């Protein structure tokens, strides 16, 4: 009997022990995870000066194609390819022999017509004198006057012909129409040229020089205001970025805002002039024009790396009460260096997670440290997403 009681007592004790161990195990399994270490900063207002970039093509403010106005063979080239030329400088000559002969012939014809006019004038004077004395038939007087008028018109026609052939003779010598840099000649000595053929050359005005950009129609008023504003020599509103990524050392100013919006693209061309004393900029060069944009008022800014993108929408994790995070949808503005403007969805002073976003989710408890302090997670490039402008 005692043995049965002892075995029952032992079984009860063992059951209690096992139950106690199982409870501790369940408690261990249900214990909350430790806070996730993250780095966070406060959303603060700051200066919102930034730059918009526009693709640009360098172009000459003035550029002239040298076209032949008469037909003939090139008999002279009076410049070096690529050199600077001045207005009125002789560039090409076209064989003038046929035009000079035509001119001489026109002059001779004019002299003949003048001689005929002189004779007709004398005849008309004589017949009109006789008519006053009633000593000649009226028909002869009328004929003499008609012949005089005809000779006057022939002289006028001969003079016009001389002007035409003189102009052709003048066009056999081609002069520079403006100061600038001339390109590589498209013809050689002896080449046959004619009006409407390939241009002989091109002259570009290279100082100042311009860069053309295309702006959206919504920005027209902004650029018109910039055009009307007086800029100083040190103003950096317009900076040209060269193809090598370096900024051009001279700032620009708006020279021309085009007259009409392109209905196909909804854009308007703006021409920005830049000093070019060292001839560093060449027409046709491609780059970007950076245009300073400042709202004038402080804007809410957060680090760019705090933003995550999901289905073309942008979110940040905000640390709230009890060190728990919540995800907020935000509307972003322009990116300014390592920061980005937040237009909507966030309040000034809220604590935004910048590092460790890939380790947390909605409602997670975190352990916050400031950037640069121990305990913060290491930056993770995978958490950086592109911000919308």
Protein backbone atom coordinates (compact mmCIF):
# COMPACT_ATOMS: atom_id res chain seq x y z
CA UNK A 1 0.00 0.00 0.00
CA UNK A 2 2.80 2.35 0.89
CA UNK A 3 4.48 1.51 -2.41
CA UNK A 4 1.36 2.52 -4.37
CA UNK A 5 1.05 5.80 -2.45
CA UNK A 6 4.73 6.54 -3.07
CA UNK A 7 4.45 5.91 -6.81
CA UNK A 8 1.35 8.14 -7.05
CA UNK A 9 3.11 10.92 -5.16
CA UNK A 10 6.15 10.61 -7.41
CA UNK A 11 3.95 10.82 -10.53
CA UNK A 12 2.23 13.95 -9.25
CA UNK A 13 5.55 15.66 -8.53
CA UNK A 14 6.91 14.73 -11.96
CA UNK A 15 3.78 16.07 -13.68
CA UNK A 16 4.06 19.35 -11.79
CA UNK A 17 7.74 19.62 -12.78
CA UNK A 18 7.03 18.95 -16.44
CA UNK A 19 4.17 21.44 -16.43
CA UNK A 20 6.39 24.09 -14.91
CA UNK A 21 9.11 23.51 -17.51
CA UNK A 22 6.59 23.68 -20.34
CA UNK A 23 5.23 26.98 -19.07
CA UNK A 24 8.67 28.51 -18.95
CA UNK A 25 9.30 27.34 -22.49
CA UNK A 26 6.06 28.94 -23.72
CA UNK A 27 6.95 32.16 -21.94
CA UNK A 28 10.33 32.16 -23.65
CA UNK A 29 8.72 31.58 -27.06
CA UNK A 30 6.20 34.44 -26.56
CA UNK A 31 8.72 37.02 -25.29
CA UNK A 32 8.89 40.15 -27.59
CA UNK A 33 12.01 40.58 -29.77
CA UNK A 34 14.60 43.16 -28.70
CA UNK A 35 14.38 46.66 -30.25
CA UNK A 36 16.00 47.00 -33.67
CA UNK A 37 18.91 49.47 -33.69
CA UNK A 38 18.37 52.29 -36.21
CA UNK A 39 19.66 55.76 -36.90
CA UNK A 40 17.16 58.62 -37.07
CA UNK A 41 17.14 62.39 -37.49
CA UNK A 42 14.56 65.11 -37.03
CA UNK A 43 12.81 66.60 -40.04
CA UNK A 44 13.86 70.24 -40.05
CA UNK A 45 13.29 73.28 -42.20
CA UNK A 46 16.22 74.75 -44.09
CA UNK A 47 17.38 76.63 -47.17
CA UNK A 48 15.78 75.29 -50.33
CA UNK A 49 18.18 76.57 -52.94
CA UNK A 50 18.83 73.97 -55.62
CA UNK A 51 19.53 73.66 -59.34
CA UNK A 52 17.37 72.38 -62.17
CA UNK A 53 19.30 70.83 -65.05
CA UNK A 54 18.35 71.12 -68.71
CA UNK A 55 20.07 69.41 -71.66
CA UNK A 56 21.76 72.10 -73.75
CA UNK A 57 23.38 72.49 -77.15
CA UNK A 58 25.97 75.20 -77.69
CA UNK A 59 25.18 77.38 -80.69
CA UNK A 60 26.47 80.63 -82.13
CA UNK A 61 24.45 83.75 -81.44
CA UNK A 62 25.04 84.70 -85.08
CA UNK A 63 26.10 82.32 -87.81
CA UNK A 64 26.27 82.96 -91.54
CA UNK A 65 26.73 80.50 -94.40
CA UNK A 66 28.90 81.81 -97.24
CA UNK A 67 26.96 81.16 -100.44
CA UNK A 68 28.12 81.95 -104.01
CA UNK A 69 25.87 84.50 -105.73
CA UNK A 70 27.28 83.90 -109.24
CA UNK A 71 28.51 80.86 -111.14
CA UNK A 72 32.14 80.28 -111.96
CA UNK A 73 35.40 78.73 -110.79
CA UNK A 74 37.14 79.58 -107.53
CA UNK A 75 40.29 81.54 -108.36
CA UNK A 76 41.38 82.63 -104.86
CA UNK A 77 41.08 81.64 -101.18
CA UNK A 78 42.40 84.30 -98.80
CA UNK A 79 42.18 82.83 -95.29
CA UNK A 80 43.35 79.91 -93.19
CA UNK A 81 40.73 77.36 -92.13
CA UNK A 82 39.55 77.99 -88.58
CA UNK A 83 41.07 81.46 -88.27
CA UNK A 84 39.32 84.53 -86.93
CA UNK A 85 38.14 86.91 -89.63
CA UNK A 86 36.85 90.45 -89.49
CA UNK A 87 33.88 92.00 -91.24
CA UNK A 88 34.80 93.08 -94.80
CA UNK A 89 37.82 90.76 -95.06
CA UNK A 90 38.24 89.16 -98.52
CA UNK A 91 37.58 85.41 -98.42
CA UNK A 92 37.08 84.03 -101.97
CA UNK A 93 37.25 85.16 -105.57
CA UNK A 94 35.31 83.64 -108.47
CA UNK A 95 36.67 84.00 -112.03
CA UNK A 96 35.46 87.51 -113.03
CA UNK A 97 36.43 87.49 -116.74
CA UNK A 98 33.00 86.75 -118.20
CA UNK A 99 31.33 89.23 -115.84
CA UNK A 100 33.86 91.95 -116.62
CA UNK A 101 33.34 91.43 -120.37
CA UNK A 102 29.57 91.60 -119.87
CA UNK A 103 30.01 94.79 -117.87
CA UNK A 104 32.17 96.39 -120.58
CA UNK A 105 29.57 95.45 -123.17
CA UNK A 106 26.80 96.97 -121.06
CA UNK A 107 28.79 100.19 -120.67
CA UNK A 108 29.32 100.38 -124.43
CA UNK A 109 25.63 99.82 -125.04
CA UNK A 110 24.80 102.63 -122.61
CA UNK A 111 27.10 105.00 -124.49
CA UNK A 112 25.35 104.11 -127.75
CA UNK A 113 21.95 104.76 -126.20
CA UNK A 114 23.14 108.07 -124.81
CA UNK A 115 24.37 109.10 -128.26
CA UNK A 116 21.01 108.14 -129.76
CA UNK A 117 19.26 110.11 -127.04
CA UNK A 118 21.42 113.16 -127.75
CA UNK A 119 20.54 113.03 -131.46
CA UNK A 120 16.86 112.49 -130.72
CA UNK A 121 16.90 115.45 -128.37
CA UNK A 122 18.35 117.73 -131.03
CA UNK A 123 15.84 116.57 -133.64
CA UNK A 124 12.95 117.14 -131.24
CA UNK A 125 14.20 120.61 -130.33
CA UNK A 126 14.58 121.57 -133.99
CA UNK A 127 11.11 120.32 -135.01
CA UNK A 128 9.45 122.00 -132.04
CA UNK A 129 11.12 125.32 -133.02
CA UNK A 130 9.88 124.97 -136.59
CA UNK A 131 6.42 124.07 -135.33
CA UNK A 132 6.24 127.37 -133.46
CA UNK A 133 6.85 129.10 -136.81
CA UNK A 134 4.28 126.84 -138.48
CA UNK A 135 7.04 125.71 -140.84
CA UNK A 136 6.76 121.93 -140.44
CA UNK A 137 4.05 119.32 -140.45
CA UNK A 138 2.66 118.39 -137.02
CA UNK A 139 3.21 114.69 -137.73
CA UNK A 140 6.98 115.23 -137.99
CA UNK A 141 6.97 117.02 -134.64
CA UNK A 142 5.03 114.17 -132.99
CA UNK A 143 7.40 111.56 -134.44
CA UNK A 144 10.44 113.46 -133.18
CA UNK A 145 8.99 113.70 -129.68
CA UNK A 146 8.10 109.98 -129.64
CA UNK A 147 11.60 109.05 -130.77
CA UNK A 148 13.03 111.18 -127.96
CA UNK A 149 10.93 109.42 -125.36
CA UNK A 150 11.90 106.00 -126.73
CA UNK A 151 15.58 106.87 -126.53
CA UNK A 152 15.17 108.04 -122.95
CA UNK A 153 13.70 104.66 -122.00
CA UNK A 154 16.48 102.82 -123.84
CA UNK A 155 19.06 104.77 -121.87
CA UNK A 156 17.26 103.86 -118.63
CA UNK A 157 17.22 100.20 -119.67
CA UNK A 158 20.93 100.30 -120.48
CA UNK A 159 21.68 101.83 -117.09
CA UNK A 160 19.70 99.08 -115.34
CA UNK A 161 21.61 96.46 -117.29
CA UNK A 162 24.86 97.99 -116.13
CA UNK A 163 23.72 97.84 -112.51
CA UNK A 164 22.88 94.17 -112.89
CA UNK A 165 26.16 93.14 -114.47
CA UNK A 166 28.07 95.40 -112.05
CA UNK A 167 26.41 93.55 -109.16
CA UNK A 168 27.38 90.19 -110.67
CA UNK A 169 30.94 91.44 -111.10
CA UNK A 170 30.97 92.60 -107.47
CA UNK A 171 29.77 89.16 -106.31
CA UNK A 172 32.86 87.54 -107.84
CA UNK A 173 34.71 88.71 -104.71
CA UNK A 174 33.26 87.38 -101.45
CA UNK A 175 33.86 89.25 -98.19
CA UNK A 176 33.23 88.30 -94.55
CA UNK A 177 29.80 89.59 -93.46
CA UNK A 178 30.69 89.68 -89.75
CA UNK A 179 33.48 89.21 -87.21
CA UNK A 180 33.89 85.61 -86.13
CA UNK A 181 35.62 82.30 -86.69
CA UNK A 182 35.53 80.76 -90.16
CA UNK A 183 35.29 77.02 -90.62
CA UNK A 184 36.98 74.58 -92.98
CA UNK A 185 36.50 75.54 -96.62
CA UNK A 186 34.15 73.26 -98.54
CA UNK A 187 35.75 74.09 -101.90
CA UNK A 188 39.27 74.24 -103.29
CA UNK A 189 40.94 76.37 -105.91
CA UNK A 190 39.47 75.72 -109.35
CA UNK A 191 36.23 74.23 -108.06
CA UNK A 192 33.09 75.18 -110.00
CA UNK A 193 30.41 76.84 -107.89
CA UNK A 194 26.95 78.25 -108.57
CA UNK A 195 24.08 79.86 -106.64
CA UNK A 196 22.15 77.27 -104.64
CA UNK A 197 25.05 74.84 -104.42
CA UNK A 198 26.80 73.69 -101.22
CA UNK A 199 27.87 76.62 -99.01
CA UNK A 200 31.50 77.59 -99.43
CA UNK A 201 32.01 78.00 -95.69
CA UNK A 202 30.41 79.13 -92.43
CA UNK A 203 31.33 82.00 -90.11
CA UNK A 204 30.25 81.90 -86.46
CA UNK A 205 30.29 84.69 -83.94
CA UNK A 206 32.00 83.00 -80.98
CA UNK A 207 32.19 85.59 -78.20
CA UNK A 208 29.72 85.63 -76.64
CA UNK A 209 28.30 82.22 -77.51
CA UNK A 210 25.03 80.66 -76.45
CA UNK A 211 23.48 77.42 -75.22
CA UNK A 212 19.93 76.48 -76.23
CA UNK A 213 17.66 74.66 -73.79
CA UNK A 214 14.04 73.50 -74.00
CA UNK A 215 11.76 74.41 -71.09
CA UNK A 216 8.27 73.17 -70.27
CA UNK A 217 5.49 75.64 -70.94
CA UNK A 218 4.71 75.72 -67.21
CA UNK A 219 8.07 77.43 -66.59
CA UNK A 220 7.69 80.25 -69.12
CA UNK A 221 6.84 82.89 -66.51
CA UNK A 222 9.82 81.89 -64.39
CA UNK A 223 12.26 82.32 -67.27
CA UNK A 224 10.68 85.58 -68.43
CA UNK A 225 11.23 86.93 -64.90
CA UNK A 226 14.84 85.76 -65.02
CA UNK A 227 15.30 87.45 -68.39
CA UNK A 228 14.04 90.78 -67.08
CA UNK A 229 16.13 90.62 -63.94
CA UNK A 230 19.42 92.51 -63.89
CA UNK A 231 22.29 90.09 -63.40
CA UNK A 232 25.74 90.90 -62.07
CA UNK A 233 28.93 89.50 -63.55
CA UNK A 234 29.22 87.07 -60.62
CA UNK A 235 25.60 85.85 -60.78
CA UNK A 236 25.50 82.04 -60.85
CA UNK A 237 21.86 81.56 -61.86
CA UNK A 238 22.93 79.87 -65.12
CA UNK A 239 25.91 77.51 -65.07
CA UNK A 240 26.93 75.43 -68.09
CA UNK A 241 28.12 71.91 -67.29
CA UNK A 242 30.65 70.71 -69.86
CA UNK A 243 30.66 67.18 -71.34
CA UNK A 244 33.43 66.18 -68.91
CA UNK A 245 31.16 67.03 -65.98
CA UNK A 246 33.04 70.19 -65.02
CA UNK A 247 31.26 73.56 -64.70
CA UNK A 248 32.14 76.27 -67.20
CA UNK A 249 33.78 79.12 -65.31
CA UNK A 250 31.68 81.95 -66.77
CA UNK A 251 27.99 82.28 -65.77
CA UNK A 252 25.38 83.00 -68.43
CA UNK A 253 22.41 85.28 -68.97
CA UNK A 254 19.20 84.81 -70.91
CA UNK A 255 19.52 86.38 -74.35
CA UNK A 256 16.39 85.14 -76.15
CA UNK A 257 13.10 83.47 -75.16
CA UNK A 258 11.56 82.04 -78.32
CA UNK A 259 8.34 83.54 -79.67
CA UNK A 260 6.14 80.40 -79.57
CA UNK A 261 5.66 77.06 -77.81
CA UNK A 262 6.16 73.94 -79.91
CA UNK A 263 2.64 72.42 -80.08
CA UNK A 264 4.06 68.92 -80.54
CA UNK A 265 6.24 68.88 -77.41
CA UNK A 266 4.79 71.68 -75.28
CA UNK A 267 8.26 73.17 -74.87
CA UNK A 268 9.81 76.56 -75.54
CA UNK A 269 13.38 77.26 -76.59
CA UNK A 270 15.48 79.57 -74.43
CA UNK A 271 18.89 80.85 -75.57
CA UNK A 272 21.42 81.62 -72.82
CA UNK A 273 24.55 83.61 -73.66
CA UNK A 274 27.97 82.86 -72.13
CA UNK A 275 31.24 84.79 -72.44
CA UNK A 276 33.75 82.84 -74.53
CA UNK A 277 37.01 84.82 -74.53
CA UNK A 278 39.18 81.69 -74.66
CA UNK A 279 37.10 80.07 -77.45
CA UNK A 280 36.60 77.02 -75.23
CA UNK A 281 32.99 76.60 -76.33
CA UNK A 282 32.31 75.47 -79.88
CA UNK A 283 28.96 75.36 -81.72
CA UNK A 284 27.41 71.90 -81.57
CA UNK A 285 28.90 71.01 -78.18
CA UNK A 286 26.43 69.22 -75.87
CA UNK A 287 26.14 69.72 -72.13
CA UNK A 288 23.68 70.72 -69.41
CA UNK A 289 22.64 74.10 -68.10
CA UNK A 290 22.07 74.29 -64.34
CA UNK A 291 19.47 76.90 -63.38
CA UNK A 292 19.38 78.05 -59.76
CA UNK A 293 15.98 77.60 -58.18
CA UNK A 294 15.20 79.09 -54.79
CA UNK A 295 11.74 79.25 -53.21
CA UNK A 296 12.80 82.06 -50.89
CA UNK A 297 11.17 80.36 -47.87
CA UNK A 298 12.60 77.56 -45.68
CA UNK A 299 11.42 74.12 -46.71
CA UNK A 300 11.05 70.86 -44.78
CA UNK A 301 14.11 68.73 -45.50
CA UNK A 302 15.06 65.13 -44.68
CA UNK A 303 18.04 62.98 -45.71
CA UNK A 304 17.50 61.46 -49.13
CA UNK A 305 18.45 58.00 -47.86
CA UNK A 306 15.41 57.93 -45.52
CA UNK A 307 13.05 57.62 -48.50
CA UNK A 308 11.87 54.27 -49.83
CA UNK A 309 9.85 53.76 -52.99
CA UNK A 310 6.95 51.35 -53.40
CA UNK A 311 4.88 51.22 -56.59
CA UNK A 312 5.99 54.73 -57.61
CA UNK A 313 4.99 56.12 -54.21
CA UNK A 314 7.38 57.37 -51.53
CA UNK A 315 7.45 56.49 -47.83
CA UNK A 316 9.45 57.14 -44.67
CA UNK A 317 9.53 55.44 -41.27
CA UNK A 318 8.74 57.79 -38.38
CA UNK A 319 9.59 56.95 -34.76
CA UNK A 320 6.57 57.55 -32.53
CA UNK A 321 5.52 56.87 -28.95
CA UNK A 322 7.09 53.90 -27.16
CA UNK A 323 9.89 53.90 -29.79
CA UNK A 324 7.59 52.24 -32.30
CA UNK A 325 7.82 53.12 -36.01
CA UNK A 326 5.03 53.86 -38.42
CA UNK A 327 5.31 54.20 -42.17
CA UNK A 328 4.11 57.49 -43.71
CA UNK A 329 3.45 58.31 -47.33
CA UNK A 330 5.14 61.56 -48.40
CA UNK A 331 5.10 63.86 -51.39
CA UNK A 332 8.60 64.91 -52.41
CA UNK A 333 10.00 67.99 -54.08
CA UNK A 334 13.44 68.57 -55.52
CA UNK A 335 16.53 66.80 -54.26
CA UNK A 336 19.16 69.15 -52.80
CA UNK A 337 22.51 67.38 -52.54
CA UNK A 338 22.04 64.59 -49.94
CA UNK A 339 18.64 65.93 -48.83
CA UNK A 340 15.18 66.15 -50.38
CA UNK A 341 12.26 68.53 -49.92
CA UNK A 342 9.11 67.04 -48.35
CA UNK A 343 6.00 68.83 -49.56
CA UNK A 344 3.34 66.79 -47.74
CA UNK A 345 2.99 63.88 -45.32
CA UNK A 346 5.51 64.88 -42.66
CA UNK A 347 5.67 67.46 -39.88
CA UNK A 348 8.63 69.47 -38.69
CA UNK A 349 10.39 67.84 -35.73
CA UNK A 350 9.26 64.27 -36.45
CA UNK A 351 11.98 61.65 -36.07
CA UNK A 352 12.71 59.94 -39.40
CA UNK A 353 14.64 56.68 -39.70
CA UNK A 354 17.62 57.10 -42.02
CA UNK A 355 19.58 53.85 -41.52
CA UNK A 356 18.16 50.41 -40.86
CA UNK A 357 14.89 50.82 -42.77
CA UNK A 358 15.41 47.43 -44.42
CA UNK A 359 15.27 45.72 -41.00
CA UNK A 360 12.00 47.16 -39.70
CA UNK A 361 8.31 47.08 -40.50
CA UNK A 362 5.13 48.85 -39.40
CA UNK A 363 4.82 48.88 -35.59
CA UNK A 364 8.32 47.57 -34.91
CA UNK A 365 10.08 48.78 -31.78
CA UNK A 366 13.45 50.40 -32.39
CA UNK A 367 16.46 51.64 -30.50
CA UNK A 368 17.34 55.04 -31.91
CA UNK A 369 20.79 56.58 -32.16
CA UNK A 370 21.86 59.80 -33.83
CA UNK A 371 24.07 59.69 -36.94
CA UNK A 372 27.69 59.16 -35.98
CA UNK A 373 26.88 57.77 -32.52
CA UNK A 374 27.64 54.16 -31.54
CA UNK A 375 24.73 51.75 -31.64
CA UNK A 376 23.41 52.97 -34.99
CA UNK A 377 23.28 50.59 -37.90
CA UNK A 378 25.72 50.87 -40.75
CA UNK A 379 24.49 52.64 -43.91
CA UNK A 380 22.86 50.29 -46.36
CA UNK A 381 22.96 51.48 -49.95
CA UNK A 382 20.05 49.19 -50.76
CA UNK A 383 17.73 51.40 -48.72
CA UNK A 384 18.41 54.44 -50.89
CA UNK A 385 15.80 55.04 -53.53
CA UNK A 386 15.32 57.67 -56.18
CA UNK A 387 13.34 60.69 -55.01
CA UNK A 388 10.77 62.33 -57.24
CA UNK A 389 11.42 65.85 -58.31
